[in-house]
Structures are given as structure tokens and as C-alpha cells.
Protein backbone atom coordinates (compact mmCIF):
# COMPACT_ATOMS: atom_id res chain seq x y z
CA MET A 1 22.24 69.22 89.42
CA LYS A 2 21.61 72.37 87.22
CA ASN A 3 18.08 72.54 87.81
CA PRO A 4 16.81 73.53 91.33
CA ARG A 5 13.42 72.20 90.53
CA ASN A 6 14.84 68.73 90.07
CA LEU A 7 16.55 69.10 93.42
CA LEU A 8 13.30 69.77 95.16
CA ILE A 9 11.65 66.86 93.36
CA PHE A 10 14.40 64.34 94.60
CA ALA A 11 14.32 65.96 98.02
CA GLY A 12 10.33 65.47 98.18
CA LEU A 13 10.55 61.91 96.98
CA GLY A 14 13.35 61.08 99.57
CA GLY A 15 11.08 62.61 102.44
CA VAL A 16 8.27 60.29 101.16
CA VAL A 17 10.23 57.16 100.99
CA GLY A 18 11.56 57.99 104.64
CA LEU A 19 7.95 58.57 105.85
CA ILE A 20 6.88 55.22 104.42
CA LEU A 21 9.82 53.36 105.66
CA GLY A 22 9.22 55.13 109.12
CA LEU A 23 5.57 54.01 109.17
CA SER A 24 6.40 50.44 108.36
CA VAL A 25 8.85 50.20 111.21
CA ALA A 26 6.27 51.89 113.62
CA ASN A 27 3.57 49.37 112.37
CA LEU A 28 6.19 46.39 112.81
CA SER A 29 6.82 47.70 116.27
CA ASP A 30 3.06 47.86 117.06
CA SER A 31 2.36 44.38 115.80
CA THR A 32 5.35 42.98 117.56
CA LYS A 33 4.01 44.47 120.81
CA THR A 34 0.72 42.99 120.22
CA ALA A 35 2.11 39.52 119.54
CA GLU A 36 4.19 39.70 122.71
CA SER A 37 1.07 40.60 124.73
CA ASP A 38 -0.90 37.91 123.01
CA ILE A 39 1.74 35.41 123.85
CA ARG A 40 1.95 36.41 127.44
CA THR A 41 -1.92 36.20 127.77
CA VAL A 42 -1.81 32.59 126.57
CA LEU A 43 0.78 31.71 129.33
CA GLU A 44 -1.23 33.47 132.03
CA ARG A 45 -4.04 31.58 130.88
CA GLN A 46 -2.07 28.25 131.44
CA VAL A 47 -1.08 29.44 134.84
CA GLU A 48 -4.81 30.23 135.67
CA GLY A 49 -5.89 26.75 134.40
CA TRP A 50 -3.34 24.86 136.30
CA ASN A 51 -3.86 26.63 139.51
CA ALA A 52 -7.55 25.92 139.16
CA GLY A 53 -6.67 22.29 138.89
CA ASP A 54 -7.54 22.05 135.23
CA ILE A 55 -4.87 20.23 133.46
CA GLU A 56 -6.86 20.32 130.08
CA GLY A 57 -7.47 24.05 130.54
CA PHE A 58 -3.59 24.38 131.04
CA MET A 59 -3.27 22.39 127.85
CA GLN A 60 -5.34 24.88 125.71
CA GLY A 61 -2.07 26.68 125.39
CA TYR A 62 -0.52 23.95 123.37
CA LEU A 63 -1.01 23.10 119.53
CA LYS A 64 -3.66 20.53 119.54
CA SER A 65 -1.82 18.34 117.20
CA GLU A 66 0.31 15.23 116.83
CA HIS A 67 3.00 17.54 116.02
CA LEU A 68 3.33 19.18 119.34
CA ARG A 69 6.76 18.31 120.99
CA PHE A 70 7.44 18.38 124.75
CA ALA A 71 10.77 17.61 125.89
CA SER A 72 11.65 17.28 129.73
CA GLY A 73 13.79 15.05 131.91
CA GLY A 74 15.49 13.24 129.00
CA ASP A 75 12.25 12.24 127.53
CA ILE A 76 10.42 13.52 124.42
CA THR A 77 6.72 13.38 124.00
CA THR A 78 4.89 14.17 120.74
CA GLY A 79 1.42 14.91 120.36
CA TRP A 80 -1.23 16.77 122.42
CA ASP A 81 -2.95 13.86 123.47
CA GLU A 82 0.39 12.03 124.90
CA THR A 83 1.26 15.33 126.47
CA LEU A 84 -2.05 15.67 128.36
CA THR A 85 -1.70 12.00 129.41
CA ARG A 86 1.87 12.73 130.71
CA TYR A 87 0.61 15.66 132.68
CA GLN A 88 -2.30 13.77 134.04
CA LYS A 89 -0.05 10.90 135.27
CA ARG A 90 2.69 13.05 136.86
CA TYR A 91 0.21 15.41 138.50
CA SER A 92 -2.49 13.09 139.33
CA ASP A 93 -3.97 15.15 142.18
CA ARG A 94 -4.09 18.87 143.41
CA ALA A 95 -1.32 18.22 146.03
CA LYS A 96 0.91 17.22 143.12
CA MET A 97 -0.16 20.07 141.01
CA GLY A 98 0.63 22.70 143.65
CA THR A 99 0.44 26.34 142.62
CA LEU A 100 2.27 27.24 139.33
CA ASN A 101 4.03 30.38 138.68
CA PHE A 102 5.76 31.62 135.62
CA ASP A 103 8.45 34.22 135.47
CA ILE A 104 8.87 35.23 131.72
CA ASN A 105 12.37 36.36 131.06
CA ASP A 106 12.09 37.08 127.42
CA VAL A 107 9.77 36.82 124.61
CA LYS A 108 10.99 37.13 120.97
CA VAL A 109 8.70 37.81 118.40
CA LEU A 110 10.39 36.51 115.26
CA ASP A 111 7.81 37.26 112.85
CA GLN A 112 3.94 37.73 112.64
CA ASP A 113 3.30 34.20 113.44
CA ASP A 114 6.41 32.82 115.13
CA GLY A 115 7.87 33.46 118.61
CA LEU A 116 10.22 32.09 121.36
CA VAL A 117 9.60 32.36 125.05
CA PHE A 118 12.21 31.85 127.79
CA GLY A 119 11.19 31.65 131.50
CA GLN A 120 11.39 30.05 134.74
CA TRP A 121 8.47 27.91 136.13
CA THR A 122 8.03 27.24 139.84
CA LEU A 123 5.49 24.82 141.61
CA THR A 124 4.72 25.76 145.34
CA ARG A 125 3.69 22.74 147.22
CA ASP A 126 3.13 21.59 150.81
CA ALA A 127 6.09 19.30 150.70
CA ASP A 128 8.44 21.19 148.22
CA ARG A 129 8.99 23.82 145.81
CA PRO A 130 10.37 22.53 142.39
CA THR A 131 11.65 24.93 139.90
CA GLY A 132 13.29 25.03 136.58
CA LEU A 133 13.51 26.72 133.13
CA PHE A 134 11.49 26.51 129.87
CA THR A 135 11.96 27.46 126.35
CA LEU A 136 8.80 27.56 124.08
CA HIS A 137 8.52 27.91 120.40
CA MET A 138 5.05 29.34 119.79
CA LYS A 139 3.22 29.69 116.52
CA LYS A 140 0.08 31.88 115.62
CA GLY A 141 -2.58 29.98 113.77
CA THR A 142 -6.46 30.50 113.13
CA ASP A 143 -6.98 29.88 116.89
CA GLY A 144 -4.30 32.26 118.24
CA TRP A 145 -0.89 31.68 119.62
CA LYS A 146 -0.09 28.05 120.85
CA VAL A 147 2.96 26.24 121.99
CA VAL A 148 4.42 23.89 119.41
CA SER A 149 7.31 22.80 121.12
CA ASP A 150 8.31 23.00 124.96
CA HIS A 151 11.68 22.24 126.39
CA THR A 152 11.41 22.22 130.09
CA SER A 153 14.19 21.46 132.66
CA SER A 154 14.25 21.04 136.30
CA ALA A 155 16.69 22.70 138.92
CA ALA A 156 18.59 20.32 141.21
CA ASN A 157 16.87 20.70 144.59
């Protein structure tokens, strides 16, 4: 470039573009951290509901829709009401419910309203201590983050 003034203009523009891109990445990082925290809060509330003996409270972390999918033990249950009924039959009293613990291994925020969670669940009961893994697909809607698909497995005892 023959004109030093043009060089200064291009350098200034480059700096502004770099600043804008840097701020976009910082905002994305902040929103990702917020989303991850919000997702973890949903799961903590599920554990609290379960441990209070409140299966319906536990279910508040799931999408209340016929589109909810729960897969476990070779069975697929579709729909919020059907999933609630499955839990109520399988865990018909406090002794069967035990105390639930989630160990969250990974939360991936895919975008502003889509996330994946991988973790381990454990029930501590008087007679046994079943455990297994889960993968949750979560979506953010008008009522916050909800599980739309849950694939849960049990480890061999």
C-alpha cells in the first residue's frame, strides 16, 4: 500500500472485527456456562423430588408431552403420562425408591436450546444398591430445560 493512511484504516478495521468476534465468543461461552448450570439445576431438582418420595416432582424435569421418550431395559415408553405410570409401578413405595444420586460426567450444550447429558445413577436401598448409566437429550422451551429423551441402563449386579 502506497498510502500509510490506508494501512491505518485497514489495521483499525481488523482490530474492530477481531474485537467483535472476541466478544461473540465470550458471550457464547457465558451463555453455554449458564445453560450448563441450568441443566444441572433441573437434574438436582429431580434428585430432590425423588429423595422426598415425590415421583411427580421428579417428573417435572421431563417434557410434559406425548413426544417424551424413555428407553430402559429393552423397553421404550413414550409420553409423559406413560413414563410417570412406569415409574409409579416400578417404584411403588419408599423402600423401592431408595435414595437417588446422580453423578454427572458430562454436559454438552449443543446450542442455546439443545443439550446432552451423560451420567451415572445410583439408588441406595436397604436391600441393594442398583446403579447404571444414562444419556439425556434436553431441550430448552418456554418452561426451561426439560428431558425429551432418556436412555437409561442398569449395570449387572
